[in-house]
Amino acid sequence: MKLQTQIPLSKQSHNQFNYDSEVLLLGSCFSENIGNKFEYHKFQSTVNPFGILFHPFAIENLITRAINKDCYSEDDLFFSNEQWCCLDAHSKLNRISKEEFLTGLNNQIDKTHAQLNNVSHIVITLGTSWVYRHIASDAIVANCHKLPQKEFHKELLSVDTITKSLEAIVNLVKSVNPKITFLFTVSPVRHIKDGFIENTQSKSHLLAAIHQVIEPRKQIHYFPSYEIMMDELRDYRFYNADMIHPSQVAIDYIWKKFKNVWLSEEALKTSEVIASIQTRKAHRPFNSESSAHEQFLTKLQTEIDDLRIKYPHISF
């Protein structure tokens, strides 16, 4: 008896990830989960230069500013909770010094501009269709930074509005990097603070909009992270204690599905070698001064050197 439904996935035949690929990952905290896997396996990748961005408008705003090199000014900042903040960026970028914060924001704009012009793949994970509009500026924000709720109006983006935002993202990036491969996915994180029914509605809007823009012939693809969590891992044991975020077991499971579809055969083999090196580097010897341990380290270093001859960007 088979006690699990399996989502049929086929190996991607074109535009796969390999160790020459340069990858930019944007979006919800699940982007960071997958981004950590890319980093661990030593791919050339960057994750969320402006921090976690939950909805498509926040991602579109970042990409628009980065492509146009539209830098921030002091007028875009505000001081709250003894820190300088920006409604377009995650709180992890906040700083005590206004000058340092402004410089940091604009450095990220410059870096993202360069990446969008050069990366081979962009992975976008959408988390929610719910957004907050800042009443004073009438702008939809990326992060409320714990400002009073009365300063914002909560809205649900329609399928049509999200579709237009995603189309704008694709067209903007392809205007400077026509060969780029897009990969969209929906975060399996449950936004139940919005409400159970509201979370389902929100995810439905994202899914419907994404499938309006998917076109493999134009290198615009979809990976079913959300569906794998909902259908293959439909059990609370695959969530963290908060019953909202996928557990490490679930993240590992989805990553395995992802890499078997999207990594080239050579990249899969190389990633296994790197994972083995990472495991052995984390090994704690019983006797760090023994000859056996010295031989172990020598062999390990030889493997690293051989790997770096082929892929000079890899560093442990």
Protein backbone atom coordinates (compact mmCIF):
# COMPACT_ATOMS: atom_id res chain seq x y z
CA MET A 1 0.00 0.00 0.00
CA LYS A 2 1.32 3.43 -0.99
CA LEU A 3 0.63 5.97 1.75
CA GLN A 4 1.88 9.09 -0.02
CA THR A 5 0.91 10.90 -3.19
CA GLN A 6 3.88 11.81 -5.39
CA ILE A 7 3.95 14.85 -7.63
CA PRO A 8 5.35 13.72 -11.00
CA LEU A 9 8.43 15.77 -11.89
CA SER A 10 10.52 15.51 -15.04
CA LYS A 11 14.20 16.33 -15.35
CA GLN A 12 14.66 19.77 -16.83
CA SER A 13 16.27 19.37 -20.23
CA HIS A 14 17.42 22.97 -20.81
CA ASN A 15 18.80 25.87 -18.77
CA GLN A 16 19.77 23.69 -15.80
CA PHE A 17 21.85 24.97 -12.91
CA ASN A 18 25.53 24.08 -12.96
CA TYR A 19 28.66 25.40 -11.31
CA ASP A 20 29.14 28.03 -14.00
CA SER A 21 25.65 29.40 -13.34
CA GLU A 22 25.18 32.64 -11.43
CA VAL A 23 21.96 32.64 -9.43
CA LEU A 24 19.92 35.41 -7.77
CA LEU A 25 17.19 34.29 -5.34
CA LEU A 26 14.50 36.75 -4.27
CA GLY A 27 11.37 36.55 -2.17
CA SER A 28 10.04 35.00 1.00
CA CYS A 29 11.94 33.23 3.76
CA PHE A 30 11.70 30.01 1.75
CA SER A 31 14.04 31.69 -0.78
CA GLU A 32 16.54 31.85 2.05
CA ASN A 33 16.02 28.15 2.84
CA ILE A 34 16.81 27.17 -0.76
CA GLY A 35 19.49 29.86 -0.96
CA ASN A 36 21.24 28.28 2.01
CA LYS A 37 21.35 25.01 0.06
CA PHE A 38 22.93 26.76 -2.92
CA GLU A 39 25.46 28.37 -0.59
CA TYR A 40 26.27 25.12 1.24
CA HIS A 41 26.90 23.37 -2.08
CA LYS A 42 29.06 26.30 -3.23
CA PHE A 43 27.06 27.55 -6.17
CA GLN A 44 27.57 31.16 -7.28
CA SER A 45 24.47 32.60 -5.66
CA THR A 46 23.08 35.67 -3.93
CA VAL A 47 20.00 35.64 -1.72
CA ASN A 48 17.71 38.60 -0.99
CA PRO A 49 20.03 41.62 -1.14
CA PHE A 50 17.21 43.71 0.42
CA GLY A 51 16.21 41.00 2.88
CA ILE A 52 13.05 38.91 2.79
CA LEU A 53 10.41 40.25 0.40
CA PHE A 54 7.04 38.58 0.81
CA HIS A 55 4.96 39.83 -2.10
CA PRO A 56 5.43 40.59 -5.83
CA PHE A 57 5.16 44.38 -5.55
CA ALA A 58 8.15 44.49 -3.19
CA ILE A 59 10.20 42.40 -5.63
CA GLU A 60 9.08 44.48 -8.61
CA ASN A 61 10.05 47.68 -6.76
CA LEU A 62 13.53 46.36 -5.98
CA ILE A 63 14.12 45.19 -9.56
CA THR A 64 12.84 48.48 -11.01
CA ARG A 65 15.08 50.54 -8.76
CA ALA A 66 18.09 48.27 -9.37
CA ILE A 67 17.78 48.24 -13.16
CA ASN A 68 17.30 52.01 -13.28
CA LYS A 69 19.97 52.56 -10.59
CA ASP A 70 17.39 54.64 -8.76
CA CYS A 71 19.26 55.28 -5.54
CA TYR A 72 17.69 56.14 -2.20
CA SER A 73 17.90 59.54 -0.55
CA GLU A 74 17.42 60.69 3.03
CA ASP A 75 13.76 61.38 2.18
CA ASP A 76 13.20 57.61 1.81
CA LEU A 77 14.37 56.87 5.36
CA PHE A 78 12.75 57.21 8.76
CA PHE A 79 13.90 56.74 12.35
CA SER A 80 12.03 54.23 14.51
CA ASN A 81 12.92 52.11 17.54
CA GLU A 82 16.37 53.75 17.65
CA GLN A 83 17.21 52.64 14.11
CA TRP A 84 17.08 54.03 10.60
CA CYS A 85 14.64 52.11 8.41
CA CYS A 86 13.21 52.04 4.88
CA LEU A 87 9.76 50.77 3.96
CA ASP A 88 11.25 49.04 0.87
CA ALA A 89 13.73 46.91 2.80
CA HIS A 90 13.75 44.24 5.49
CA SER A 91 14.66 45.20 9.04
CA LYS A 92 17.91 43.20 8.88
CA LEU A 93 19.35 46.09 6.85
CA ASN A 94 18.45 48.69 9.52
CA ARG A 95 21.31 50.63 11.08
CA ILE A 96 21.86 53.06 13.94
CA SER A 97 23.79 55.42 11.65
CA LYS A 98 21.73 57.14 8.94
CA GLU A 99 24.77 57.57 6.69
CA GLU A 100 25.77 53.93 7.05
CA PHE A 101 22.21 52.80 6.35
CA LEU A 102 21.82 54.95 3.24
CA THR A 103 25.20 53.84 1.91
CA GLY A 104 24.28 50.21 2.55
CA LEU A 105 20.96 50.51 0.69
CA ASN A 106 22.56 52.12 -2.34
CA ASN A 107 25.43 49.64 -2.39
CA GLN A 108 22.83 46.89 -2.59
CA ILE A 109 21.12 48.74 -5.45
CA ASP A 110 24.45 48.83 -7.33
CA LYS A 111 25.18 45.16 -6.65
CA THR A 112 21.70 44.05 -7.68
CA HIS A 113 21.96 46.13 -10.86
CA ALA A 114 25.17 44.29 -11.79
CA GLN A 115 23.69 40.91 -10.91
CA LEU A 116 20.50 41.41 -12.93
CA ASN A 117 22.64 42.23 -15.95
CA ASN A 118 24.80 39.13 -15.57
CA VAL A 119 23.12 36.27 -13.69
CA SER A 120 22.02 33.19 -15.63
CA HIS A 121 19.07 32.32 -13.35
CA ILE A 122 16.68 34.20 -11.08
CA VAL A 123 14.58 32.23 -8.59
CA ILE A 124 11.56 34.09 -7.18
CA THR A 125 9.55 32.67 -4.27
CA LEU A 126 6.27 34.45 -3.56
CA GLY A 127 4.88 34.24 -0.03
CA THR A 128 1.61 36.16 0.10
CA SER A 129 -0.90 38.24 -1.84
CA TRP A 130 -1.64 40.35 1.25
CA VAL A 131 0.08 43.72 1.27
CA TYR A 132 0.17 46.82 3.46
CA ARG A 133 -0.34 50.27 1.98
CA HIS A 134 1.29 53.15 3.86
CA ILE A 135 -1.56 55.64 4.18
CA ALA A 136 0.61 58.77 4.32
CA SER A 137 2.54 57.97 1.13
CA ASP A 138 -0.09 55.77 -0.55
CA ALA A 139 2.70 53.28 -1.30
CA ILE A 140 2.62 49.50 -0.84
CA VAL A 141 5.50 48.63 1.45
CA ALA A 142 7.85 45.68 1.74
CA ASN A 143 8.07 45.86 5.53
CA CYS A 144 6.10 47.77 8.18
CA HIS A 145 8.99 47.82 10.70
CA LYS A 146 6.54 47.54 13.61
CA LEU A 147 5.09 50.97 12.97
CA PRO A 148 1.57 51.48 14.38
CA GLN A 149 -1.04 49.48 12.47
CA LYS A 150 -3.19 52.59 12.05
CA GLU A 151 -0.57 53.92 9.60
CA PHE A 152 -1.35 51.14 7.10
CA HIS A 153 -4.24 49.74 5.14
CA LYS A 154 -4.23 45.99 4.46
CA GLU A 155 -5.14 44.84 0.94
CA LEU A 156 -5.39 41.60 -1.01
CA LEU A 157 -3.81 41.80 -4.45
CA SER A 158 -6.03 40.44 -7.22
CA VAL A 159 -4.87 37.77 -9.64
CA ASP A 160 -4.80 40.31 -12.46
CA THR A 161 -2.74 42.79 -10.41
CA ILE A 162 -0.19 40.11 -9.48
CA THR A 163 -0.01 38.88 -13.06
CA LYS A 164 0.81 42.40 -14.30
CA SER A 165 3.47 42.75 -11.60
CA LEU A 166 5.11 39.45 -12.56
CA GLU A 167 5.01 40.39 -16.24
CA ALA A 168 6.68 43.70 -15.37
CA ILE A 169 9.41 41.85 -13.44
CA VAL A 170 10.08 39.49 -16.35
CA ASN A 171 10.07 42.25 -18.96
CA LEU A 172 12.32 44.52 -16.90
CA VAL A 173 14.97 41.87 -16.32
CA LYS A 174 14.85 40.53 -19.86
CA SER A 175 15.31 44.06 -21.20
CA VAL A 176 18.88 44.00 -19.82
CA ASN A 177 19.48 40.23 -19.71
CA PRO A 178 17.44 38.51 -22.46
CA LYS A 179 18.97 35.04 -21.93
CA ILE A 180 18.11 34.81 -18.24
CA THR A 181 16.08 31.85 -16.95
CA PHE A 182 13.23 32.60 -14.53
CA LEU A 183 12.05 30.07 -11.99
CA PHE A 184 8.98 30.94 -9.93
CA THR A 185 7.73 29.06 -6.89
CA VAL A 186 5.25 29.64 -4.06
CA SER A 187 6.39 29.47 -0.46
CA PRO A 188 4.99 26.58 1.60
CA VAL A 189 5.13 28.79 4.72
CA ARG A 190 1.59 29.18 6.10
CA HIS A 191 0.66 32.83 6.67
CA ILE A 192 -2.11 31.95 9.10
CA LYS A 193 -1.83 35.26 10.96
CA ASP A 194 -3.85 36.54 8.02
CA GLY A 195 -6.44 33.85 8.79
CA PHE A 196 -6.78 30.27 7.55
CA ILE A 197 -9.24 31.08 4.78
CA GLU A 198 -7.34 34.26 3.91
CA ASN A 199 -4.07 32.32 3.62
CA THR A 200 -5.66 29.86 1.19
CA GLN A 201 -7.10 32.73 -0.84
CA SER A 202 -3.72 34.46 -0.85
CA LYS A 203 -1.82 31.40 -2.07
CA SER A 204 -4.50 30.77 -4.70
CA HIS A 205 -4.04 34.26 -6.13
CA LEU A 206 -0.28 33.74 -6.34
CA LEU A 207 -0.62 30.36 -8.04
CA ALA A 208 -3.18 31.60 -10.55
CA ALA A 209 -1.07 34.64 -11.44
CA ILE A 210 2.19 32.72 -11.79
CA HIS A 211 0.60 30.29 -14.22
CA GLN A 212 -0.48 33.24 -16.37
CA VAL A 213 3.19 34.11 -17.02
CA ILE A 214 4.86 30.68 -17.13
CA GLU A 215 6.23 29.95 -20.60
CA PRO A 216 9.06 27.38 -20.80
CA ARG A 217 9.83 28.38 -24.40
CA LYS A 218 10.75 31.82 -23.02
CA GLN A 219 12.76 30.35 -20.10
CA ILE A 220 10.02 31.13 -17.55
CA HIS A 221 9.38 28.08 -15.37
CA TYR A 222 7.59 26.93 -12.24
CA PHE A 223 8.72 24.59 -9.45
CA PRO A 224 6.00 23.17 -7.14
CA SER A 225 7.50 23.77 -3.67
CA TYR A 226 4.06 24.62 -2.28
CA GLU A 227 2.42 21.54 -3.81
CA ILE A 228 5.15 19.21 -2.55
CA MET A 229 4.60 20.49 0.98
CA MET A 230 0.81 20.34 0.76
CA ASP A 231 0.48 16.98 -1.02
CA GLU A 232 3.60 14.89 -0.43
CA LEU A 233 4.34 16.14 3.09
CA ARG A 234 0.80 16.64 4.38
CA ASP A 235 1.60 15.96 8.03
CA TYR A 236 2.40 18.32 10.90
CA ARG A 237 5.58 16.37 11.68
CA PHE A 238 7.07 18.14 8.64
CA TYR A 239 6.57 21.57 10.26
CA ASN A 240 8.55 23.37 12.91
CA ALA A 241 7.10 23.76 16.40
CA ASP A 242 5.24 26.90 15.25
CA MET A 243 3.26 24.73 12.80
CA ILE A 244 3.86 27.44 10.20
CA HIS A 245 7.35 26.99 8.76
CA PRO A 246 8.57 23.78 7.10
CA SER A 247 10.96 21.75 9.24
CA GLN A 248 14.53 21.06 8.19
CA VAL A 249 13.41 17.59 7.10
CA ALA A 250 10.84 19.18 4.78
CA ILE A 251 13.36 21.69 3.42
CA ASP A 252 15.84 18.89 2.74
CA TYR A 253 13.09 16.88 1.03
CA ILE A 254 12.05 19.76 -1.24
CA TRP A 255 15.70 20.56 -2.02
CA LYS A 256 16.27 16.94 -3.07
CA LYS A 257 13.29 17.17 -5.43
CA PHE A 258 14.54 20.51 -6.71
CA LYS A 259 18.10 19.41 -7.41
CA ASN A 260 17.02 16.21 -9.17
CA VAL A 261 14.96 18.32 -11.58
CA TRP A 262 17.06 21.45 -12.00
CA LEU A 263 20.72 20.50 -11.46
CA SER A 264 22.68 19.11 -14.40
CA GLU A 265 24.15 15.64 -13.98
CA GLU A 266 27.64 17.08 -13.61
CA ALA A 267 26.41 19.60 -11.03
CA LEU A 268 24.71 16.81 -9.06
CA LYS A 269 27.96 14.85 -8.91
CA THR A 270 29.97 17.93 -7.93
CA SER A 271 27.43 18.88 -5.24
CA GLU A 272 27.80 15.39 -3.72
CA VAL A 273 31.59 15.83 -3.60
CA ILE A 274 31.16 19.23 -1.94
CA ALA A 275 28.65 17.86 0.58
CA SER A 276 31.16 15.13 1.47
CA ILE A 277 33.91 17.73 1.95
CA GLN A 278 31.61 19.87 4.10
CA THR A 279 30.77 16.88 6.31
CA ARG A 280 34.42 15.96 6.77
CA LYS A 281 35.43 19.57 7.46
CA ALA A 282 32.89 19.59 10.30
CA HIS A 283 34.38 16.40 11.74
CA ARG A 284 35.89 16.72 15.23
CA PRO A 285 38.88 14.44 15.71
CA PHE A 286 39.57 12.48 18.86
CA ASN A 287 43.22 13.46 18.58
CA SER A 288 43.97 16.49 16.40
CA GLU A 289 47.72 15.83 16.60
CA SER A 290 47.65 12.20 15.48
CA SER A 291 49.28 11.10 12.22
CA ALA A 292 45.95 9.64 11.10
CA HIS A 293 44.31 13.04 11.43
CA GLU A 294 47.17 14.71 9.55
CA GLN A 295 46.69 12.23 6.71
CA PHE A 296 42.95 12.92 6.82
CA LEU A 297 43.54 16.68 6.48
CA THR A 298 46.07 16.23 3.67
CA LYS A 299 43.69 14.07 1.65
CA LEU A 300 40.85 16.51 2.29
CA GLN A 301 42.94 19.48 1.15
CA THR A 302 43.96 17.61 -2.01
CA GLU A 303 40.28 17.08 -2.86
CA ILE A 304 39.57 20.77 -2.27
CA ASP A 305 42.52 21.83 -4.45
CA ASP A 306 41.43 19.50 -7.27
CA LEU A 307 37.93 20.93 -7.08
CA ARG A 308 39.16 24.52 -7.17
CA ILE A 309 41.24 23.86 -10.28
CA LYS A 310 37.99 23.12 -12.09
CA TYR A 311 35.87 25.73 -10.26
CA PRO A 312 38.12 28.58 -9.01
CA HIS A 313 35.18 30.43 -7.39
CA ILE A 314 34.68 27.63 -4.84
CA SER A 315 36.08 28.46 -1.42
CA PHE A 316 35.77 26.59 1.87
